[in-house]
Protein backbone atom coordinates (compact mmCIF):
# COMPACT_ATOMS: atom_id res chain seq x y z
CA MET A 1 44.46 109.85 136.73
CA ARG A 2 44.36 106.45 137.02
CA GLU A 3 47.79 105.51 135.90
CA GLU A 4 49.02 108.20 137.82
CA LEU A 5 46.67 106.31 141.62
CA ILE A 6 48.10 103.19 140.07
CA LYS A 7 51.37 104.54 139.76
CA LEU A 8 51.66 106.14 143.35
CA ARG A 9 50.11 103.09 145.54
CA LYS A 10 53.07 100.92 143.78
CA LYS A 11 55.19 102.98 144.47
CA GLU A 12 54.25 103.02 148.13
CA ASP A 13 54.20 99.47 148.24
CA LEU A 14 49.94 98.93 148.91
CA THR A 15 47.38 97.01 147.49
CA GLN A 16 44.35 98.75 147.07
CA LYS A 17 42.83 97.09 150.01
CA GLU A 18 45.36 99.15 152.36
CA VAL A 19 45.02 102.20 150.46
CA ALA A 20 41.40 101.85 151.34
CA GLU A 21 41.91 101.12 154.88
CA LEU A 22 43.69 104.25 155.48
CA LEU A 23 41.06 106.18 153.55
CA ASP A 24 38.52 104.55 155.70
CA ILE A 25 36.60 103.39 152.01
CA THR A 26 36.05 100.04 151.03
CA ARG A 27 38.03 98.64 148.62
CA GLY A 28 35.66 98.59 145.94
CA TYR A 29 34.90 102.15 146.07
CA TYR A 30 39.13 102.89 145.97
CA GLY A 31 38.94 100.79 142.46
CA HIS A 32 36.54 102.40 141.21
CA ILE A 33 38.13 105.48 141.63
CA GLU A 34 41.24 104.52 140.53
CA THR A 35 39.68 102.78 137.65
CA GLY A 36 38.07 106.44 136.95
CA ARG A 37 34.42 104.60 137.12
CA ARG A 38 34.21 107.35 140.24
CA ASN A 39 35.10 110.66 141.19
CA PRO A 40 35.87 111.42 144.83
CA PRO A 41 34.22 113.73 146.20
CA LEU A 42 36.63 116.98 147.23
CA LYS A 43 37.25 115.74 150.87
CA LEU A 44 38.21 112.41 149.52
CA ALA A 45 40.10 113.58 146.70
CA LEU A 46 42.24 115.35 149.72
CA LYS A 47 42.84 112.59 151.79
CA ILE A 48 44.23 110.41 148.51
CA ALA A 49 46.39 113.59 147.51
CA ASN A 50 47.33 113.85 151.74
CA LEU A 51 48.61 110.20 151.61
CA PHE A 52 50.41 110.12 148.56
CA GLU A 53 52.24 113.85 149.80
CA LYS A 54 51.19 115.36 146.48
CA LYS A 55 48.54 117.96 145.50
CA VAL A 56 45.26 116.93 144.48
CA GLU A 57 46.01 118.95 140.95
CA ASP A 58 48.99 116.18 140.40
CA ILE A 59 46.49 113.68 140.53
CA PHE A 60 43.42 114.23 139.74
CA LEU A 61 42.55 115.58 135.78
CA ILE A 62 40.71 119.08 136.11
CA ILE A 63 38.47 119.57 132.96
CA ASN A 64 37.22 122.85 132.75
CA GLU A 65 33.57 122.04 131.07
CA THR A 66 33.40 125.54 129.33
CA ASN A 67 37.06 125.05 127.74
CA CYS A 68 36.14 121.34 126.98
CA SER A 69 33.05 122.71 125.27
CA ASP A 70 34.79 125.13 122.64
CA LYS A 71 37.51 122.66 122.14
CA THR A 72 34.88 119.91 121.29
CA ARG A 73 33.00 122.81 118.87
CA LYS A 74 36.35 123.87 117.46
CA ALA A 75 36.85 120.13 116.09
CA SER A 76 33.57 119.71 114.18
């Protein structure tokens, strides 16, 4: 997620502050989303995707917890 958001933001020549203002959130909160420290709620994820004219799944990695658990067990 981190790399994709940074790439999209820079492609549009926007700062974190500008993106945050467009999304009506704080720059700090957006920064946490961009670094992966926070996961945005669905409504915000949709706004971010819409801002960059992308699908949510193109920006945010969706992990199926069942598959993740299965892979972890198989690796053990």
